[in-house]
Amino acid sequence: MKLFAISDLHLDFKVNRNALSEIPEMKDSGLITGGDLCTSLDHLRHALDVLCPKFARVFWVPGNHELWSSKQDHSQEMLRGMEKYMALINVCREYGVLTPEDPFHSWPSQDGPVVIAPLFIPYDYSFRPDDVSLEGAVDWAMEGGVLCSDERLIDPSPFPSMIEWCEQRYQYSIERLDALAPDTPLVLVNHFPFRQDLVRIRRIPRFSIWCGTKRTEALHQRYNVQTVVSGHLHMRVTDYRDGVRFEEVSLGYPRDWDQGKGMNYYFREIIPGPAPPPEGNIGPFWRFF
């Protein structure tokens, strides 16, 4: 059974919502959705209404857009922080979609079962230069003309800040991964990139502080990881680090993808996945999409 991945569908845009309905049935395959599907519970239900009947199994992790507090949902009060996150989890559970709050799921591959581990580990502003302090990180980004909407739209309550929320989520994730047998083959999934050196946003490089945490940079070495899946950057690329494949699987805003090719073109095969690169040729830019 094949396993595909895609993230950043941004279904708040009508163009992207319309394209979603054109995805063909792949009932003998699974799908990882890597966050930023939407900002509202209504749009999440729409996405799962379309996707779940088309795939044997669907996985979901939240992105920053899902965590935005808004009044877009019909008959919904404004949900914040963990309350919004758990409301999203409950929607996924209505559809049988596996989330970071569910038991890890084993997926068949040609080399034996692989455990799919959806994670929710956000950012803590640590993807910054060494000479920029934590307290000065947002000001440093603003000096470069960048301010993420998260600063206005994400309320991390009951945690005092995203830093504490990120730490709690990291510890929760590590406890779950440590409970597995050490040799368990893994696919790790998180919306935010796992490594700072994979954050290559040349137009707005200081956006990096909203892109992850240095706490995750060595997870691919700590565990028996086959593939790492992330999104967020709207920059589809396959990288290799220490022999491990890193897949950035974003679709993005309408300007970020070619509607003429259709959304299905941008699905990335995770299992079995591409052939490994030639020995010695696993640099930072292996293949772009």
Protein backbone atom coordinates (compact mmCIF):
# COMPACT_ATOMS: atom_id res chain seq x y z
CA MET A 1 0.00 0.00 0.00
CA LYS A 2 1.32 3.40 -0.94
CA LEU A 3 1.40 6.33 1.46
CA PHE A 4 1.27 9.91 0.15
CA ALA A 5 1.62 13.28 1.85
CA ILE A 6 0.55 16.85 1.22
CA SER A 7 0.28 19.91 3.44
CA ASP A 8 -0.70 23.56 3.33
CA LEU A 9 -3.88 23.10 1.30
CA HIS A 10 -5.12 26.48 2.57
CA LEU A 11 -8.76 25.77 1.85
CA ASP A 12 -9.74 29.28 2.90
CA PHE A 13 -8.94 30.05 -0.76
CA LYS A 14 -11.76 29.07 -3.11
CA VAL A 15 -9.30 27.99 -5.83
CA ASN A 16 -7.79 25.44 -3.46
CA ARG A 17 -11.18 24.22 -2.21
CA ASN A 18 -12.36 23.64 -5.77
CA ALA A 19 -9.19 21.72 -6.63
CA LEU A 20 -9.64 19.44 -3.62
CA SER A 21 -12.77 17.89 -5.12
CA GLU A 22 -10.82 16.85 -8.25
CA ILE A 23 -8.52 14.47 -6.37
CA PRO A 24 -9.10 10.92 -7.67
CA GLU A 25 -9.94 7.98 -5.42
CA MET A 26 -6.92 6.09 -4.10
CA LYS A 27 -8.65 3.67 -1.74
CA ASP A 28 -5.67 1.32 -1.63
CA SER A 29 -3.39 4.16 -0.39
CA GLY A 30 -3.03 6.35 2.67
CA LEU A 31 -2.63 10.11 2.99
CA ILE A 32 -0.70 12.26 5.45
CA THR A 33 -2.06 15.79 5.71
CA GLY A 34 0.70 17.95 7.15
CA GLY A 35 -1.16 20.93 8.57
CA ASP A 36 -2.44 24.30 7.38
CA LEU A 37 -5.39 22.69 5.68
CA CYS A 38 -7.54 25.60 6.83
CA THR A 39 -8.30 27.96 9.70
CA SER A 40 -11.84 26.89 10.62
CA LEU A 41 -13.54 23.74 11.85
CA ASP A 42 -16.05 24.01 9.00
CA HIS A 43 -13.29 23.89 6.39
CA LEU A 44 -11.60 20.99 8.19
CA ARG A 45 -14.85 19.03 8.00
CA HIS A 46 -15.09 19.90 4.30
CA ALA A 47 -11.56 18.61 3.72
CA LEU A 48 -12.24 15.35 5.55
CA ASP A 49 -15.60 14.93 3.82
CA VAL A 50 -13.68 14.90 0.54
CA LEU A 51 -10.49 13.06 1.52
CA CYS A 52 -11.61 10.29 3.86
CA PRO A 53 -13.77 8.40 1.32
CA LYS A 54 -10.91 8.53 -1.19
CA PHE A 55 -8.13 7.02 0.97
CA ALA A 56 -7.79 3.90 3.09
CA ARG A 57 -6.41 5.95 5.99
CA VAL A 58 -5.85 9.67 6.62
CA PHE A 59 -3.39 11.20 9.08
CA TRP A 60 -3.50 14.82 10.29
CA VAL A 61 -1.24 17.19 12.18
CA PRO A 62 -2.05 20.85 12.89
CA GLY A 63 -0.32 23.81 11.32
CA ASN A 64 -0.21 27.34 12.65
CA HIS A 65 -3.24 28.39 10.57
CA GLU A 66 -5.43 25.75 12.20
CA LEU A 67 -4.50 27.25 15.57
CA TRP A 68 -5.62 30.76 14.67
CA SER A 69 -8.46 32.08 16.83
CA SER A 70 -11.29 33.28 14.62
CA LYS A 71 -15.06 33.56 14.46
CA GLN A 72 -15.33 31.98 11.01
CA ASP A 73 -17.09 28.82 12.15
CA HIS A 74 -20.87 28.85 12.05
CA SER A 75 -22.40 28.78 15.55
CA GLN A 76 -18.96 28.56 17.13
CA GLU A 77 -17.54 30.74 19.86
CA MET A 78 -13.98 31.89 19.38
CA LEU A 79 -11.74 29.00 20.38
CA ARG A 80 -8.22 29.60 21.65
CA GLY A 81 -5.02 27.68 22.18
CA MET A 82 -5.40 24.11 23.46
CA GLU A 83 -9.18 24.50 23.33
CA LYS A 84 -8.99 25.13 19.56
CA TYR A 85 -6.49 22.30 19.12
CA MET A 86 -8.70 19.80 20.93
CA ALA A 87 -11.74 20.93 18.93
CA LEU A 88 -9.76 20.10 15.77
CA ILE A 89 -8.80 16.72 17.24
CA ASN A 90 -12.45 15.97 17.94
CA VAL A 91 -13.40 16.76 14.34
CA CYS A 92 -10.69 14.36 13.12
CA ARG A 93 -11.97 11.67 15.44
CA GLU A 94 -15.45 12.02 13.96
CA TYR A 95 -13.92 10.85 10.67
CA GLY A 96 -11.51 8.24 12.05
CA VAL A 97 -8.50 10.40 11.11
CA LEU A 98 -5.33 9.70 13.14
CA THR A 99 -3.77 12.67 14.95
CA PRO A 100 -0.91 13.43 17.38
CA GLU A 101 -3.29 12.43 20.18
CA ASP A 102 -3.91 8.89 18.87
CA PRO A 103 -1.80 5.71 19.07
CA PHE A 104 0.88 5.54 16.41
CA HIS A 105 -0.18 3.50 13.38
CA SER A 106 1.82 0.78 11.61
CA TRP A 107 1.91 1.01 7.80
CA PRO A 108 2.97 -1.86 5.51
CA SER A 109 6.00 -1.40 3.30
CA GLN A 110 8.08 -3.67 1.09
CA ASP A 111 10.68 -3.92 3.86
CA GLY A 112 8.18 -4.52 6.66
CA PRO A 113 5.90 -2.37 8.82
CA VAL A 114 6.75 1.29 9.38
CA VAL A 115 5.24 3.29 12.24
CA ILE A 116 3.69 6.62 11.24
CA ALA A 117 4.14 9.16 14.04
CA PRO A 118 2.09 12.36 13.64
CA LEU A 119 3.51 15.05 15.94
CA PHE A 120 2.50 18.51 17.03
CA ILE A 121 5.67 20.39 17.98
CA PRO A 122 5.36 24.11 17.15
CA TYR A 123 8.08 26.78 17.32
CA ASP A 124 9.95 28.54 20.10
CA TYR A 125 11.79 31.29 18.16
CA SER A 126 15.06 29.32 18.35
CA PHE A 127 15.59 29.27 14.55
CA ARG A 128 17.55 32.54 14.78
CA PRO A 129 21.21 33.62 14.59
CA ASP A 130 23.33 33.02 17.68
CA ASP A 131 23.79 36.74 18.26
CA VAL A 132 20.02 37.39 18.44
CA SER A 133 18.52 36.92 21.89
CA LEU A 134 15.24 35.14 22.51
CA GLU A 135 13.79 38.35 23.93
CA GLY A 136 14.85 40.26 20.81
CA ALA A 137 13.82 37.66 18.22
CA VAL A 138 10.51 39.20 17.13
CA ASP A 139 12.04 42.70 17.00
CA TRP A 140 14.88 41.29 14.89
CA ALA A 141 12.36 39.82 12.44
CA MET A 142 10.40 43.09 12.32
CA GLU A 143 13.60 45.01 11.55
CA GLY A 144 13.77 42.85 8.42
CA GLY A 145 10.18 43.73 7.51
CA VAL A 146 8.60 40.47 8.73
CA LEU A 147 5.91 39.85 11.34
CA CYS A 148 4.02 36.56 11.36
CA SER A 149 0.24 36.79 11.73
CA ASP A 150 0.54 34.16 14.46
CA GLU A 151 1.65 36.89 16.84
CA ARG A 152 -1.83 38.36 16.55
CA LEU A 153 -3.98 35.31 15.83
CA ILE A 154 -2.63 32.47 18.01
CA ASP A 155 -3.49 32.54 21.69
CA PRO A 156 -1.39 29.77 23.32
CA SER A 157 -3.56 29.55 26.44
CA PRO A 158 -3.41 27.92 28.91
CA PHE A 159 0.33 28.28 28.29
CA PRO A 160 1.93 31.71 28.85
CA SER A 161 3.54 31.72 25.39
CA MET A 162 4.35 29.59 22.35
CA ILE A 163 7.70 28.84 23.99
CA GLU A 164 6.07 26.98 26.86
CA TRP A 165 3.54 25.32 24.57
CA CYS A 166 6.35 24.14 22.30
CA GLU A 167 8.27 22.72 25.26
CA GLN A 168 5.22 20.83 26.52
CA ARG A 169 4.53 19.40 23.07
CA TYR A 170 8.17 18.40 22.60
CA GLN A 171 8.29 16.55 25.91
CA TYR A 172 4.95 14.84 25.18
CA SER A 173 6.22 13.71 21.77
CA ILE A 174 9.55 12.43 23.10
CA GLU A 175 7.81 10.39 25.79
CA ARG A 176 5.67 8.71 23.15
CA LEU A 177 8.59 8.03 20.81
CA ASP A 178 10.79 6.74 23.65
CA ALA A 179 8.07 4.20 24.51
CA LEU A 180 8.63 2.46 21.14
CA ALA A 181 11.16 -0.30 20.64
CA PRO A 182 14.50 1.36 19.73
CA ASP A 183 14.69 -0.30 16.31
CA THR A 184 11.13 0.66 15.24
CA PRO A 185 11.21 2.08 11.68
CA LEU A 186 9.54 5.50 11.73
CA VAL A 187 8.03 8.18 9.57
CA LEU A 188 7.95 11.39 11.61
CA VAL A 189 5.34 13.99 10.62
CA ASN A 190 5.15 17.59 11.84
CA HIS A 191 3.88 20.74 10.19
CA PHE A 192 6.96 22.72 11.15
CA PRO A 193 10.40 21.82 9.75
CA PHE A 194 12.60 19.73 12.01
CA ARG A 195 15.88 21.48 11.16
CA GLN A 196 16.91 25.10 10.81
CA ASP A 197 19.16 24.34 7.84
CA LEU A 198 16.09 23.23 5.88
CA VAL A 199 14.40 26.61 6.29
CA ARG A 200 15.38 28.37 3.07
CA ILE A 201 13.04 31.32 2.55
CA ARG A 202 15.25 33.74 0.73
CA ARG A 203 12.66 36.51 0.30
CA ILE A 204 11.90 36.67 4.03
CA PRO A 205 14.77 34.86 5.80
CA ARG A 206 13.88 36.29 9.22
CA PHE A 207 10.56 34.45 9.12
CA SER A 208 12.66 31.51 10.34
CA ILE A 209 11.82 32.20 14.00
CA TRP A 210 8.24 31.03 13.34
CA CYS A 211 9.40 27.84 11.58
CA GLY A 212 10.33 25.34 14.25
CA THR A 213 12.54 24.55 17.22
CA LYS A 214 16.15 23.44 17.52
CA ARG A 215 14.93 20.77 19.94
CA THR A 216 13.91 18.61 16.94
CA GLU A 217 17.11 18.90 14.90
CA ALA A 218 18.58 15.52 15.93
CA LEU A 219 15.39 13.45 16.17
CA HIS A 220 16.24 11.70 12.90
CA GLN A 221 19.43 10.40 14.57
CA ARG A 222 17.90 9.65 17.96
CA TYR A 223 15.40 7.20 16.46
CA ASN A 224 15.30 4.73 13.56
CA VAL A 225 13.77 7.28 11.19
CA GLN A 226 13.27 6.47 7.52
CA THR A 227 11.52 9.67 6.41
CA VAL A 228 10.65 13.02 7.96
CA VAL A 229 7.60 14.86 6.58
CA SER A 230 6.90 18.57 7.10
CA GLY A 231 5.31 21.57 5.42
CA HIS A 232 4.91 25.26 6.29
CA LEU A 233 7.49 26.69 3.88
CA HIS A 234 5.48 26.42 0.61
CA MET A 235 8.74 25.13 -0.88
CA ARG A 236 8.46 21.55 -2.09
CA VAL A 237 11.80 19.80 -1.85
CA THR A 238 13.43 16.51 -0.92
CA ASP A 239 16.55 16.73 1.25
CA TYR A 240 18.80 14.13 2.85
CA ARG A 241 20.56 14.46 6.19
CA ASP A 242 22.63 11.63 7.64
CA GLY A 243 21.03 9.28 5.12
CA VAL A 244 17.49 10.19 6.20
CA ARG A 245 15.00 11.60 3.70
CA PHE A 246 13.32 14.91 4.59
CA GLU A 247 10.22 15.74 2.54
CA GLU A 248 8.69 19.24 2.47
CA VAL A 249 5.23 18.57 1.03
CA SER A 250 3.46 21.95 0.86
CA LEU A 251 0.91 22.93 -1.74
CA GLY A 252 0.52 26.56 -0.65
CA TYR A 253 -1.51 29.58 -1.59
CA PRO A 254 -2.91 29.75 -5.14
CA ARG A 255 0.17 31.69 -6.22
CA ASP A 256 2.45 28.87 -5.04
CA TRP A 257 1.28 26.09 -7.33
CA ASP A 258 0.21 25.50 -10.93
CA GLN A 259 -3.56 24.93 -11.02
CA GLY A 260 -3.22 23.57 -14.54
CA LYS A 261 -1.42 20.52 -13.14
CA GLY A 262 -4.10 19.87 -10.53
CA MET A 263 -3.67 19.29 -6.82
CA ASN A 264 -3.02 15.57 -7.28
CA TYR A 265 0.26 16.37 -9.06
CA TYR A 266 1.63 17.71 -5.78
CA PHE A 267 0.99 14.60 -3.69
CA ARG A 268 4.34 13.21 -2.54
CA GLU A 269 4.98 9.49 -2.27
CA ILE A 270 6.34 8.68 1.19
CA ILE A 271 6.06 4.88 1.08
CA PRO A 272 7.67 3.31 -0.86
CA GLY A 273 9.08 6.68 -1.94
CA PRO A 274 11.85 7.55 -4.43
CA ALA A 275 15.03 5.57 -4.90
CA PRO A 276 17.83 6.86 -2.64
CA PRO A 277 20.35 9.17 -4.26
CA PRO A 278 23.74 7.92 -5.43
CA GLU A 279 26.29 7.41 -2.69
CA GLY A 280 27.98 10.69 -1.78
CA ASN A 281 25.37 12.83 -3.56
CA ILE A 282 23.01 13.70 -0.71
CA GLY A 283 23.53 17.45 -0.41
CA PRO A 284 20.98 20.04 0.65
CA PHE A 285 19.16 20.34 -2.68
CA TRP A 286 18.39 16.92 -4.07
CA ARG A 287 15.14 17.44 -5.98
CA PHE A 288 12.58 20.21 -6.21
CA PHE A 289 8.93 20.13 -7.28
